[in-house]
Amino acid sequence: MNKLWVRMQHQGPQRLKEKREKERNELRDLVGKNLLVLSQLEGVDLELYQKTVLPWVLEQVVNCKDEIAQTYLMDAVVQVMRRDQKRVCDQKIVPRAT
């Protein structure tokens, strides 16, 4: 979904830009809701989150190569995480950023 969201930014004729932006915003909301559901799934304990979920989500953020999408995705990831997940995320992201 994230790749579709990024592609929608540049496709189509200029006259349909407003419609495309509306659709893109709707898709952005859907991506955010999916991240929220992912963070709240039963059975996703801290170990599974740390070893599988977070690395996959971060890979998607890096691979999209769209600065606006990356910013939104990181904001959404941080907003939807539980406290224990945030500690794991901080440990994974902060060392890379410095």
C-alpha atoms as a PDB file:
ATOM      1  CA  MET A   1       0.000   0.000   0.000  1.00  0.00           C
ATOM      2  CA  ASN A   2       2.819   2.379   0.786  1.00  0.00           C
ATOM      3  CA  LYS A   3       4.303   1.953  -2.695  1.00  0.00           C
ATOM      4  CA  LEU A   4       0.921   2.709  -4.239  1.00  0.00           C
ATOM      5  CA  TRP A   5       0.659   5.799  -2.048  1.00  0.00           C
ATOM      6  CA  VAL A   6       4.053   7.062  -3.272  1.00  0.00           C
ATOM      7  CA  ARG A   7       3.286   6.286  -6.933  1.00  0.00           C
ATOM      8  CA  MET A   8      -0.038   8.100  -6.829  1.00  0.00           C
ATOM      9  CA  GLN A   9       1.779  11.346  -6.122  1.00  0.00           C
ATOM     10  CA  HIS A  10       3.257  11.585  -9.620  1.00  0.00           C
ATOM     11  CA  GLN A  11       0.903   9.682 -11.904  1.00  0.00           C
ATOM     12  CA  GLY A  12      -1.893  10.987 -14.064  1.00  0.00           C
ATOM     13  CA  PRO A  13      -2.697  14.245 -15.791  1.00  0.00           C
ATOM     14  CA  GLN A  14      -2.380  17.550 -13.972  1.00  0.00           C
ATOM     15  CA  ARG A  15      -6.114  18.261 -14.221  1.00  0.00           C
ATOM     16  CA  LEU A  16      -6.841  15.258 -11.979  1.00  0.00           C
ATOM     17  CA  LYS A  17      -4.320  16.283  -9.334  1.00  0.00           C
ATOM     18  CA  GLU A  18      -6.944  17.294  -6.754  1.00  0.00           C
ATOM     19  CA  LYS A  19      -8.795  13.986  -7.093  1.00  0.00           C
ATOM     20  CA  ARG A  20      -5.503  12.081  -6.927  1.00  0.00           C
ATOM     21  CA  GLU A  21      -4.459  13.961  -3.770  1.00  0.00           C
ATOM     22  CA  LYS A  22      -7.807  13.119  -2.140  1.00  0.00           C
ATOM     23  CA  GLU A  23      -7.333   9.435  -2.992  1.00  0.00           C
ATOM     24  CA  ARG A  24      -3.740   9.591  -1.778  1.00  0.00           C
ATOM     25  CA  ASN A  25      -4.857  11.037   1.567  1.00  0.00           C
ATOM     26  CA  GLU A  26      -7.452   8.278   1.926  1.00  0.00           C
ATOM     27  CA  LEU A  27      -4.782   5.683   1.226  1.00  0.00           C
ATOM     28  CA  ARG A  28      -2.445   7.378   3.723  1.00  0.00           C
ATOM     29  CA  ASP A  29      -5.163   7.060   6.369  1.00  0.00           C
ATOM     30  CA  LEU A  30      -5.577   3.389   5.503  1.00  0.00           C
ATOM     31  CA  VAL A  31      -1.822   2.788   5.854  1.00  0.00           C
ATOM     32  CA  GLY A  32      -1.899   4.482   9.263  1.00  0.00           C
ATOM     33  CA  LYS A  33      -4.890   2.401  10.380  1.00  0.00           C
ATOM     34  CA  ASN A  34      -3.113  -0.772   9.266  1.00  0.00           C
ATOM     35  CA  LEU A  35      -0.085   0.187  11.359  1.00  0.00           C
ATOM     36  CA  LEU A  36      -2.404   0.736  14.329  1.00  0.00           C
ATOM     37  CA  VAL A  37      -4.039  -2.670  13.890  1.00  0.00           C
ATOM     38  CA  LEU A  38      -0.623  -4.287  13.510  1.00  0.00           C
ATOM     39  CA  SER A  39       0.541  -2.796  16.805  1.00  0.00           C
ATOM     40  CA  GLN A  40      -2.574  -4.069  18.604  1.00  0.00           C
ATOM     41  CA  LEU A  41      -2.753  -7.617  17.281  1.00  0.00           C
ATOM     42  CA  GLU A  42      -3.077 -10.273  19.926  1.00  0.00           C
ATOM     43  CA  GLY A  43      -0.193 -12.689  19.791  1.00  0.00           C
ATOM     44  CA  VAL A  44       2.300 -10.048  18.744  1.00  0.00           C
ATOM     45  CA  ASP A  45       4.466 -10.082  21.828  1.00  0.00           C
ATOM     46  CA  LEU A  46       7.524  -7.918  22.319  1.00  0.00           C
ATOM     47  CA  GLU A  47       9.911 -10.539  20.931  1.00  0.00           C
ATOM     48  CA  LEU A  48       7.916 -11.028  17.723  1.00  0.00           C
ATOM     49  CA  TYR A  49       7.588  -7.263  17.368  1.00  0.00           C
ATOM     50  CA  GLN A  50      11.331  -6.754  17.845  1.00  0.00           C
ATOM     51  CA  LYS A  51      12.489  -9.578  15.565  1.00  0.00           C
ATOM     52  CA  THR A  52       9.892  -9.492  12.801  1.00  0.00           C
ATOM     53  CA  VAL A  53       7.399  -6.645  12.761  1.00  0.00           C
ATOM     54  CA  LEU A  54       9.606  -3.619  13.429  1.00  0.00           C
ATOM     55  CA  PRO A  55      12.422  -4.626  11.032  1.00  0.00           C
ATOM     56  CA  TRP A  56       9.872  -5.215   8.259  1.00  0.00           C
ATOM     57  CA  VAL A  57       8.135  -1.872   8.866  1.00  0.00           C
ATOM     58  CA  LEU A  58      11.452  -0.001   8.971  1.00  0.00           C
ATOM     59  CA  GLU A  59      12.523  -1.711   5.741  1.00  0.00           C
ATOM     60  CA  GLN A  60       9.341  -0.454   4.068  1.00  0.00           C
ATOM     61  CA  VAL A  61      10.037   3.074   5.294  1.00  0.00           C
ATOM     62  CA  VAL A  62      13.595   3.057   3.948  1.00  0.00           C
ATOM     63  CA  ASN A  63      12.707   1.407   0.641  1.00  0.00           C
ATOM     64  CA  CYS A  64       9.945   3.848  -0.278  1.00  0.00           C
ATOM     65  CA  LYS A  65      12.560   6.597  -0.936  1.00  0.00           C
ATOM     66  CA  ASP A  66       9.906   9.306  -0.709  1.00  0.00           C
ATOM     67  CA  GLU A  67      10.734  11.860   1.970  1.00  0.00           C
ATOM     68  CA  ILE A  68       7.123  12.833   2.673  1.00  0.00           C
ATOM     69  CA  ALA A  69       6.032   9.195   2.919  1.00  0.00           C
ATOM     70  CA  GLN A  70       8.998   8.331   5.130  1.00  0.00           C
ATOM     71  CA  THR A  71       8.199  11.178   7.505  1.00  0.00           C
ATOM     72  CA  TYR A  72       4.535  10.214   7.691  1.00  0.00           C
ATOM     73  CA  LEU A  73       5.299   6.527   8.193  1.00  0.00           C
ATOM     74  CA  MET A  74       7.766   7.159  11.001  1.00  0.00           C
ATOM     75  CA  ASP A  75       5.297   9.508  12.705  1.00  0.00           C
ATOM     76  CA  ALA A  76       2.545   6.910  12.353  1.00  0.00           C
ATOM     77  CA  VAL A  77       4.754   4.096  13.644  1.00  0.00           C
ATOM     78  CA  VAL A  78       5.712   6.080  16.736  1.00  0.00           C
ATOM     79  CA  GLN A  79       2.132   7.186  17.419  1.00  0.00           C
ATOM     80  CA  VAL A  80       0.572   3.711  17.264  1.00  0.00           C
ATOM     81  CA  MET A  81       3.168   1.785  19.261  1.00  0.00           C
ATOM     82  CA  ARG A  82       2.693   0.622  22.806  1.00  0.00           C
ATOM     83  CA  ARG A  83       5.263   1.764  25.388  1.00  0.00           C
ATOM     84  CA  ASP A  84       7.191  -1.503  25.374  1.00  0.00           C
ATOM     85  CA  GLN A  85       7.326  -1.363  21.582  1.00  0.00           C
ATOM     86  CA  LYS A  86       8.596   2.220  21.698  1.00  0.00           C
ATOM     87  CA  ARG A  87      11.558   1.201  23.836  1.00  0.00           C
ATOM     88  CA  VAL A  88      12.490  -1.451  21.286  1.00  0.00           C
ATOM     89  CA  CYS A  89      12.045   1.044  18.440  1.00  0.00           C
ATOM     90  CA  ASP A  90      14.219   3.619  20.206  1.00  0.00           C
ATOM     91  CA  GLN A  91      16.982   1.042  20.615  1.00  0.00           C
ATOM     92  CA  LYS A  92      16.829   0.134  16.918  1.00  0.00           C
ATOM     93  CA  ILE A  93      16.492   3.614  15.397  1.00  0.00           C
ATOM     94  CA  VAL A  94      18.516   5.971  17.567  1.00  0.00           C
ATOM     95  CA  PRO A  95      21.888   4.228  17.069  1.00  0.00           C
ATOM     96  CA  ARG A  96      21.364   4.368  13.276  1.00  0.00           C
ATOM     97  CA  ALA A  97      20.524   8.051  13.324  1.00  0.00           C
ATOM     98  CA  THR A  98      23.721   9.090  15.080  1.00  0.00           C
END
